[in-house]
Amino acid sequence: MGFYSNFSEKDLIESYTNQIDYQGKADKEIIAEILSRGSLEKFQAKINIQKSILNEQNRVIREIHGYYMNKLSKQECLQLIHSDLLTDKTINFLVETKYSQIHKNVENLKVDSETVIKAILGTFVSSAVSSVIIFILLYNFNFLIAFNLFLLIPVYVINYWIIRLFTGKTRVNLAVFIASFAATVLNCIYFFLIVA
């Protein structure tokens, strides 16, 4: 009973392709397991079919992205995409999934007046909240004063999460990134005003 005997076909394919990709050849033990399950040619044919399907899915995803950027609807996209390898169900799933992902990413990157206002409000609220948290920690655990510069990291994280809560957008949004940085600068100002 060999090492690969308990591998599922998917795991066996993954191990085999990794060995081919990184070592240039498969070891004898995995070849013996493949041969015990059938022929090497059939196994390699399965791998080639999987690669073809993956390449086709990637091609369809690129098309979906292009159609979204050209402001075509999901229905128009579905009418334009055709594939000999993928089923209609798979194409529908890809269109639904990718359209929502792309839309979410585009909305997340958008900096509009509402985002800016929420980010500014979040800056002041988050800097106040994180300052209170840090001052309570410093008061209760005096030894943390020695790490005052390193405390900027958790302060920045607290600020970011509060601003993200206010705006509903992540740090890849420029307004959220700048607001998080500004809130951390405010924390430093508060710290120096209180300590000085």
Protein backbone atom coordinates (compact mmCIF):
# COMPACT_ATOMS: atom_id res chain seq x y z
CA MET A 1 0.00 0.00 0.00
CA GLY A 2 1.66 3.18 -1.22
CA PHE A 3 1.60 6.77 -0.07
CA TYR A 4 -0.81 7.82 -2.84
CA SER A 5 -3.28 4.94 -2.45
CA ASN A 6 -5.64 6.96 -0.24
CA PHE A 7 -5.56 10.02 -2.52
CA SER A 8 -8.74 10.97 -4.33
CA GLU A 9 -8.48 11.38 -8.08
CA LYS A 10 -8.48 15.17 -7.65
CA ASP A 11 -5.64 15.02 -5.11
CA LEU A 12 -3.71 12.59 -7.31
CA ILE A 13 -4.06 14.92 -10.30
CA GLU A 14 -2.91 17.88 -8.23
CA SER A 15 0.11 16.00 -6.87
CA TYR A 16 1.04 14.72 -10.31
CA THR A 17 0.80 18.15 -11.98
CA ASN A 18 2.76 19.78 -9.15
CA GLN A 19 5.54 17.23 -9.55
CA ILE A 20 5.61 17.76 -13.32
CA ASP A 21 5.58 21.55 -12.92
CA TYR A 22 8.26 21.76 -10.21
CA GLN A 23 10.44 18.68 -10.73
CA GLY A 24 9.99 18.13 -14.46
CA LYS A 25 8.86 14.53 -13.89
CA ALA A 26 6.64 12.48 -11.59
CA ASP A 27 8.15 10.06 -9.07
CA LYS A 28 7.80 6.29 -9.47
CA GLU A 29 5.37 5.91 -6.58
CA ILE A 30 2.75 8.24 -8.06
CA ILE A 31 3.15 6.66 -11.52
CA ALA A 32 2.58 3.22 -9.95
CA GLU A 33 -0.62 4.48 -8.27
CA ILE A 34 -1.87 6.00 -11.52
CA LEU A 35 -1.19 2.75 -13.38
CA SER A 36 -3.00 0.76 -10.69
CA ARG A 37 -6.10 2.87 -11.37
CA GLY A 38 -5.86 2.72 -15.17
CA SER A 39 -3.53 3.93 -17.88
CA LEU A 40 -1.22 6.94 -17.77
CA GLU A 41 -2.64 8.16 -21.11
CA LYS A 42 -6.21 8.28 -19.75
CA PHE A 43 -4.97 10.05 -16.63
CA GLN A 44 -3.11 12.65 -18.70
CA ALA A 45 -6.19 13.05 -20.92
CA LYS A 46 -8.24 13.92 -17.81
CA ILE A 47 -5.63 16.50 -16.84
CA ASN A 48 -5.74 18.01 -20.33
CA ILE A 49 -9.54 18.17 -20.24
CA GLN A 50 -9.42 19.93 -16.86
CA LYS A 51 -6.86 22.42 -18.19
CA SER A 52 -9.02 23.09 -21.24
CA ILE A 53 -12.08 23.70 -19.08
CA LEU A 54 -10.12 26.01 -16.78
CA ASN A 55 -8.75 27.97 -19.75
CA GLU A 56 -12.26 28.26 -21.17
CA GLN A 57 -13.62 29.51 -17.84
CA ASN A 58 -10.86 32.13 -17.71
CA ARG A 59 -11.67 33.21 -21.28
CA VAL A 60 -15.36 33.59 -20.38
CA ILE A 61 -14.47 35.55 -17.23
CA ARG A 62 -12.35 37.95 -19.31
CA GLU A 63 -15.28 38.41 -21.70
CA ILE A 64 -17.65 39.05 -18.80
CA HIS A 65 -15.29 41.68 -17.42
CA GLY A 66 -15.08 43.39 -20.81
CA TYR A 67 -18.86 43.37 -21.22
CA TYR A 68 -19.35 44.80 -17.72
CA MET A 69 -16.87 47.59 -18.41
CA ASN A 70 -18.70 48.34 -21.66
CA LYS A 71 -21.87 48.69 -19.56
CA LEU A 72 -23.72 45.73 -21.05
CA SER A 73 -26.41 44.09 -18.93
CA LYS A 74 -26.21 40.52 -17.65
CA GLN A 75 -28.79 39.47 -20.22
CA GLU A 76 -26.81 40.99 -23.09
CA CYS A 77 -23.69 39.32 -21.75
CA LEU A 78 -25.44 35.93 -21.61
CA GLN A 79 -26.57 36.32 -25.21
CA LEU A 80 -23.05 37.16 -26.42
CA ILE A 81 -21.07 34.46 -24.58
CA HIS A 82 -20.83 31.05 -26.20
CA SER A 83 -18.72 28.04 -25.33
CA ASP A 84 -18.25 24.56 -26.72
CA LEU A 85 -16.80 23.28 -23.43
CA LEU A 86 -19.00 24.91 -20.78
CA THR A 87 -22.66 24.22 -20.16
CA ASP A 88 -25.25 27.00 -20.17
CA LYS A 89 -25.66 26.46 -16.43
CA THR A 90 -21.93 27.05 -15.86
CA ILE A 91 -21.96 30.16 -18.05
CA ASN A 92 -25.01 31.52 -16.18
CA PHE A 93 -23.25 30.87 -12.87
CA LEU A 94 -20.06 32.62 -14.05
CA VAL A 95 -21.99 35.63 -15.34
CA GLU A 96 -24.02 35.98 -12.12
CA THR A 97 -21.00 35.53 -9.87
CA LYS A 98 -18.56 37.69 -11.81
CA TYR A 99 -21.03 40.51 -12.48
CA SER A 100 -21.72 40.84 -8.76
CA GLN A 101 -17.99 40.62 -7.88
CA ILE A 102 -17.00 43.22 -10.46
CA HIS A 103 -19.86 45.50 -9.40
CA LYS A 104 -18.83 45.19 -5.75
CA ASN A 105 -15.19 46.01 -6.61
CA VAL A 106 -16.14 48.99 -8.77
CA GLU A 107 -18.48 50.36 -6.06
CA ASN A 108 -15.77 49.82 -3.44
CA LEU A 109 -13.29 51.90 -5.44
CA LYS A 110 -15.75 54.73 -6.10
CA VAL A 111 -15.02 57.95 -4.22
CA ASP A 112 -18.16 60.09 -4.22
CA SER A 113 -19.32 62.92 -1.96
CA GLU A 114 -21.19 60.52 0.33
CA THR A 115 -18.07 58.41 0.83
CA VAL A 116 -15.96 61.50 1.56
CA ILE A 117 -18.45 62.84 4.13
CA LYS A 118 -18.72 59.47 5.87
CA ALA A 119 -14.92 59.09 5.82
CA ILE A 120 -14.43 62.53 7.41
CA LEU A 121 -17.03 61.76 10.08
CA GLY A 122 -15.43 58.35 10.60
CA THR A 123 -12.01 60.00 10.97
CA PHE A 124 -13.06 62.06 13.97
CA VAL A 125 -15.13 59.33 15.60
CA SER A 126 -12.50 56.63 15.10
CA SER A 127 -9.64 58.81 16.35
CA ALA A 128 -11.62 59.64 19.49
CA VAL A 129 -12.62 56.01 20.11
CA SER A 130 -9.15 54.58 19.45
CA SER A 131 -7.55 57.28 21.61
CA VAL A 132 -9.81 56.42 24.52
CA ILE A 133 -8.99 52.72 24.08
CA ILE A 134 -5.24 53.36 23.97
CA PHE A 135 -5.31 55.75 26.94
CA ILE A 136 -7.24 53.16 28.99
CA LEU A 137 -4.67 50.53 28.03
CA LEU A 138 -1.76 52.84 28.90
CA TYR A 139 -3.39 53.76 32.22
CA ASN A 140 -4.00 50.13 33.20
CA PHE A 141 -0.77 48.73 31.75
CA ASN A 142 2.00 51.30 32.31
CA PHE A 143 4.63 49.06 30.69
CA LEU A 144 2.96 49.71 27.29
CA ILE A 145 4.35 53.26 27.32
CA ALA A 146 7.70 51.77 26.27
CA PHE A 147 5.97 50.55 23.09
CA ASN A 148 4.21 53.83 22.28
CA LEU A 149 5.27 53.90 18.61
CA PHE A 150 4.24 50.29 18.11
CA LEU A 151 0.80 51.16 19.47
CA LEU A 152 0.20 53.09 16.24
CA ILE A 153 -0.40 49.77 14.49
CA PRO A 154 -3.42 48.71 16.58
CA VAL A 155 -4.61 52.34 16.56
CA TYR A 156 -4.51 52.37 12.76
CA VAL A 157 -6.38 49.04 12.63
CA ILE A 158 -9.08 50.31 15.02
CA ASN A 159 -9.41 53.51 12.99
CA TYR A 160 -9.66 51.59 9.74
CA TRP A 161 -12.39 49.26 11.00
CA ILE A 162 -14.48 52.12 12.37
CA ILE A 163 -14.11 54.11 9.14
CA ARG A 164 -14.92 50.99 7.15
CA LEU A 165 -18.06 50.60 9.26
CA PHE A 166 -19.04 54.20 8.51
CA THR A 167 -18.34 54.10 4.75
CA GLY A 168 -19.03 50.46 3.95
CA LYS A 169 -15.85 50.42 1.85
CA THR A 170 -12.43 48.81 2.31
CA ARG A 171 -8.93 50.27 2.44
CA VAL A 172 -8.49 50.03 -1.34
CA ASN A 173 -10.84 53.02 -1.49
CA LEU A 174 -8.68 56.14 -1.50
CA ALA A 175 -10.99 58.08 0.85
CA VAL A 176 -10.95 55.25 3.42
CA PHE A 177 -7.17 54.91 3.21
CA ILE A 178 -6.58 58.66 3.68
CA ALA A 179 -9.17 58.87 6.46
CA SER A 180 -7.52 55.98 8.34
CA PHE A 181 -4.14 57.66 8.05
CA ALA A 182 -5.57 61.05 9.11
CA ALA A 183 -7.28 59.48 12.12
CA THR A 184 -3.97 57.94 13.18
CA VAL A 185 -2.26 61.34 12.86
CA LEU A 186 -5.02 62.79 15.05
CA ASN A 187 -4.29 60.05 17.59
CA CYS A 188 -0.66 61.20 17.70
CA ILE A 189 -1.75 64.82 18.19
CA TYR A 190 -4.11 63.83 21.02
CA PHE A 191 -1.35 61.78 22.65
CA PHE A 192 1.19 64.64 22.53
CA LEU A 193 -1.35 67.19 23.77
CA ILE A 194 -2.30 65.05 26.76
CA VAL A 195 1.24 63.89 27.61
CA ALA A 196 2.83 67.33 27.14
